[in-house]
Amino acid sequence: MKHLWIILIAMLLSLPVCAGNGIIPLYTEIKSNNNDDTRVKDDRSLSTTPTATLEGNVLCIYTEKTLENARITVADAQGNVWFDAEESSLSGSYSFTLDGSPQGMLILRIETKEICYIGEFSL
């Protein structure tokens, strides 16, 4: 039993630890015809909301649900766009590097025709 505890503690200590990096919470903005867009955090146990993570200046998006004609944008509070891409079919894992050394609060938008996922993070 003692060996099991030592192995478990060693495994926990070997996990990568990055200050200021990690999971970026994404909120859903449902697009409607009456311009009444609302932000909703999906708290279901089996969420279909994509997951975004940040490791240094590399941003990774994971989605189990295929997003057709998705536009991925990262911009700062002043509206300067640091990354902009369109994908005809986004599924699984998608990674990209934020070039140009953006600083401060940034906004990630994953937008399709029907829905928009928004997350805020800082570098």
C-alpha atoms as a PDB file:
ATOM      1  CA  MET A   1       0.000   0.000   0.000  1.00  0.00           C
ATOM      2  CA  LYS A   2       2.871   2.343   0.789  1.00  0.00           C
ATOM      3  CA  HIS A   3       4.330   1.800  -2.681  1.00  0.00           C
ATOM      4  CA  LEU A   4       0.975   2.662  -4.263  1.00  0.00           C
ATOM      5  CA  TRP A   5       0.907   6.037  -2.490  1.00  0.00           C
ATOM      6  CA  ILE A   6       4.466   6.789  -3.568  1.00  0.00           C
ATOM      7  CA  ILE A   7       3.614   5.960  -7.190  1.00  0.00           C
ATOM      8  CA  LEU A   8       0.465   8.119  -7.111  1.00  0.00           C
ATOM      9  CA  ILE A   9       2.325  11.097  -5.624  1.00  0.00           C
ATOM     10  CA  ALA A  10       5.133  10.715  -8.160  1.00  0.00           C
ATOM     11  CA  MET A  11       2.606  10.676 -11.012  1.00  0.00           C
ATOM     12  CA  LEU A  12       0.901  13.827  -9.714  1.00  0.00           C
ATOM     13  CA  LEU A  13       4.210  15.646  -9.361  1.00  0.00           C
ATOM     14  CA  SER A  14       5.239  14.696 -12.882  1.00  0.00           C
ATOM     15  CA  LEU A  15       2.227  16.441 -14.476  1.00  0.00           C
ATOM     16  CA  PRO A  16       3.204  19.627 -16.298  1.00  0.00           C
ATOM     17  CA  VAL A  17       2.493  22.761 -14.304  1.00  0.00           C
ATOM     18  CA  CYS A  18       2.255  26.050 -16.193  1.00  0.00           C
ATOM     19  CA  ALA A  19       1.489  29.257 -14.348  1.00  0.00           C
ATOM     20  CA  GLY A  20      -1.106  31.335 -16.147  1.00  0.00           C
ATOM     21  CA  ASN A  21      -1.802  28.645 -18.738  1.00  0.00           C
ATOM     22  CA  GLY A  22      -4.456  25.995 -18.920  1.00  0.00           C
ATOM     23  CA  ILE A  23      -8.070  25.657 -19.871  1.00  0.00           C
ATOM     24  CA  ILE A  24      -9.874  28.628 -21.389  1.00  0.00           C
ATOM     25  CA  PRO A  25     -13.554  28.561 -20.363  1.00  0.00           C
ATOM     26  CA  LEU A  26     -15.808  28.950 -23.400  1.00  0.00           C
ATOM     27  CA  TYR A  27     -19.280  30.451 -23.320  1.00  0.00           C
ATOM     28  CA  THR A  28     -21.967  29.868 -25.912  1.00  0.00           C
ATOM     29  CA  GLU A  29     -23.581  32.770 -27.726  1.00  0.00           C
ATOM     30  CA  ILE A  30     -26.666  31.502 -29.519  1.00  0.00           C
ATOM     31  CA  LYS A  31     -27.461  33.421 -32.668  1.00  0.00           C
ATOM     32  CA  SER A  32     -31.118  34.254 -33.149  1.00  0.00           C
ATOM     33  CA  ASN A  33     -33.054  36.171 -35.748  1.00  0.00           C
ATOM     34  CA  ASN A  34     -34.311  38.809 -33.306  1.00  0.00           C
ATOM     35  CA  ASN A  35     -30.818  40.124 -32.347  1.00  0.00           C
ATOM     36  CA  ASP A  36     -31.267  38.857 -28.787  1.00  0.00           C
ATOM     37  CA  ASP A  37     -27.879  37.122 -28.461  1.00  0.00           C
ATOM     38  CA  THR A  38     -27.210  35.657 -25.045  1.00  0.00           C
ATOM     39  CA  ARG A  39     -24.128  34.110 -23.456  1.00  0.00           C
ATOM     40  CA  VAL A  40     -24.673  30.790 -21.733  1.00  0.00           C
ATOM     41  CA  LYS A  41     -22.103  28.556 -20.051  1.00  0.00           C
ATOM     42  CA  ASP A  42     -22.826  24.894 -20.795  1.00  0.00           C
ATOM     43  CA  ASP A  43     -22.816  23.076 -17.425  1.00  0.00           C
ATOM     44  CA  ARG A  44     -24.090  19.739 -18.710  1.00  0.00           C
ATOM     45  CA  SER A  45     -22.051  16.687 -17.740  1.00  0.00           C
ATOM     46  CA  LEU A  46     -21.720  15.685 -21.411  1.00  0.00           C
ATOM     47  CA  SER A  47     -21.063  19.003 -23.055  1.00  0.00           C
ATOM     48  CA  THR A  48     -20.837  19.559 -26.799  1.00  0.00           C
ATOM     49  CA  THR A  49     -19.006  22.839 -26.258  1.00  0.00           C
ATOM     50  CA  PRO A  50     -15.442  22.790 -27.613  1.00  0.00           C
ATOM     51  CA  THR A  51     -12.544  22.993 -25.161  1.00  0.00           C
ATOM     52  CA  ALA A  52      -9.687  25.449 -25.589  1.00  0.00           C
ATOM     53  CA  THR A  53      -6.318  25.222 -23.840  1.00  0.00           C
ATOM     54  CA  LEU A  54      -3.309  27.484 -23.761  1.00  0.00           C
ATOM     55  CA  GLU A  55       0.293  26.307 -23.446  1.00  0.00           C
ATOM     56  CA  GLY A  56       2.705  29.231 -23.733  1.00  0.00           C
ATOM     57  CA  ASN A  57       1.580  30.993 -26.910  1.00  0.00           C
ATOM     58  CA  VAL A  58       0.115  27.829 -28.503  1.00  0.00           C
ATOM     59  CA  LEU A  59      -3.673  27.639 -28.386  1.00  0.00           C
ATOM     60  CA  CYS A  60      -5.387  24.259 -28.909  1.00  0.00           C
ATOM     61  CA  ILE A  61      -9.078  23.723 -29.621  1.00  0.00           C
ATOM     62  CA  TYR A  62     -10.679  20.307 -29.068  1.00  0.00           C
ATOM     63  CA  THR A  63     -14.146  19.477 -30.303  1.00  0.00           C
ATOM     64  CA  GLU A  64     -16.036  16.197 -30.463  1.00  0.00           C
ATOM     65  CA  LYS A  65     -18.800  17.754 -32.555  1.00  0.00           C
ATOM     66  CA  THR A  66     -17.868  18.742 -36.113  1.00  0.00           C
ATOM     67  CA  LEU A  67     -18.223  22.476 -36.670  1.00  0.00           C
ATOM     68  CA  GLU A  68     -18.944  23.313 -40.305  1.00  0.00           C
ATOM     69  CA  ASN A  69     -17.562  26.551 -41.792  1.00  0.00           C
ATOM     70  CA  ALA A  70     -16.003  27.702 -38.518  1.00  0.00           C
ATOM     71  CA  ARG A  71     -14.170  30.996 -38.177  1.00  0.00           C
ATOM     72  CA  ILE A  72     -11.561  31.182 -35.411  1.00  0.00           C
ATOM     73  CA  THR A  73     -10.506  34.644 -34.264  1.00  0.00           C
ATOM     74  CA  VAL A  74      -8.261  35.898 -31.461  1.00  0.00           C
ATOM     75  CA  ALA A  75      -8.386  39.644 -30.792  1.00  0.00           C
ATOM     76  CA  ASP A  76      -7.408  41.977 -27.976  1.00  0.00           C
ATOM     77  CA  ALA A  77      -9.657  44.473 -26.153  1.00  0.00           C
ATOM     78  CA  GLN A  78      -8.766  47.208 -28.666  1.00  0.00           C
ATOM     79  CA  GLY A  79      -9.984  45.066 -31.571  1.00  0.00           C
ATOM     80  CA  ASN A  80      -6.547  44.181 -32.960  1.00  0.00           C
ATOM     81  CA  VAL A  81      -6.796  40.717 -34.545  1.00  0.00           C
ATOM     82  CA  TRP A  82      -3.887  38.398 -33.649  1.00  0.00           C
ATOM     83  CA  PHE A  83      -5.227  35.289 -35.383  1.00  0.00           C
ATOM     84  CA  ASP A  84      -7.968  34.742 -37.956  1.00  0.00           C
ATOM     85  CA  ALA A  85      -8.717  31.521 -39.849  1.00  0.00           C
ATOM     86  CA  GLU A  86     -11.649  29.834 -41.542  1.00  0.00           C
ATOM     87  CA  GLU A  87     -12.024  26.054 -41.486  1.00  0.00           C
ATOM     88  CA  SER A  88     -14.581  24.275 -43.662  1.00  0.00           C
ATOM     89  CA  SER A  89     -14.783  21.415 -41.161  1.00  0.00           C
ATOM     90  CA  LEU A  90     -13.387  21.708 -37.637  1.00  0.00           C
ATOM     91  CA  SER A  91     -13.294  18.491 -35.603  1.00  0.00           C
ATOM     92  CA  GLY A  92     -10.923  16.760 -33.240  1.00  0.00           C
ATOM     93  CA  SER A  93      -7.884  18.868 -32.408  1.00  0.00           C
ATOM     94  CA  TYR A  94      -6.822  22.186 -33.955  1.00  0.00           C
ATOM     95  CA  SER A  95      -3.685  24.040 -32.809  1.00  0.00           C
ATOM     96  CA  PHE A  96      -2.118  27.359 -33.726  1.00  0.00           C
ATOM     97  CA  THR A  97       0.536  29.740 -32.449  1.00  0.00           C
ATOM     98  CA  LEU A  98      -0.180  33.335 -31.518  1.00  0.00           C
ATOM     99  CA  ASP A  99       2.565  35.319 -33.241  1.00  0.00           C
ATOM    100  CA  GLY A 100       3.487  38.926 -32.603  1.00  0.00           C
ATOM    101  CA  SER A 101       3.622  38.774 -28.781  1.00  0.00           C
ATOM    102  CA  PRO A 102       0.110  39.938 -27.894  1.00  0.00           C
ATOM    103  CA  GLN A 103      -0.198  41.183 -24.299  1.00  0.00           C
ATOM    104  CA  GLY A 104      -3.083  41.550 -21.890  1.00  0.00           C
ATOM    105  CA  MET A 105      -6.619  40.200 -22.177  1.00  0.00           C
ATOM    106  CA  LEU A 106      -7.446  38.366 -25.417  1.00  0.00           C
ATOM    107  CA  ILE A 107     -10.765  37.075 -26.733  1.00  0.00           C
ATOM    108  CA  LEU A 108     -11.109  33.757 -28.576  1.00  0.00           C
ATOM    109  CA  ARG A 109     -14.130  33.410 -30.858  1.00  0.00           C
ATOM    110  CA  ILE A 110     -15.128  30.181 -32.611  1.00  0.00           C
ATOM    111  CA  GLU A 111     -18.025  31.150 -34.832  1.00  0.00           C
ATOM    112  CA  THR A 112     -20.325  29.161 -37.121  1.00  0.00           C
ATOM    113  CA  LYS A 113     -23.555  30.119 -38.849  1.00  0.00           C
ATOM    114  CA  GLU A 114     -25.657  28.928 -35.896  1.00  0.00           C
ATOM    115  CA  ILE A 115     -23.523  29.468 -32.790  1.00  0.00           C
ATOM    116  CA  CYS A 116     -20.521  31.305 -31.407  1.00  0.00           C
ATOM    117  CA  TYR A 117     -18.177  30.145 -28.614  1.00  0.00           C
ATOM    118  CA  ILE A 118     -16.342  32.904 -26.743  1.00  0.00           C
ATOM    119  CA  GLY A 119     -13.483  32.637 -24.261  1.00  0.00           C
ATOM    120  CA  GLU A 120     -11.277  35.222 -22.585  1.00  0.00           C
ATOM    121  CA  PHE A 121      -7.679  34.644 -21.544  1.00  0.00           C
ATOM    122  CA  SER A 122      -4.459  36.555 -21.013  1.00  0.00           C
ATOM    123  CA  LEU A 123      -0.853  35.960 -21.945  1.00  0.00           C
END
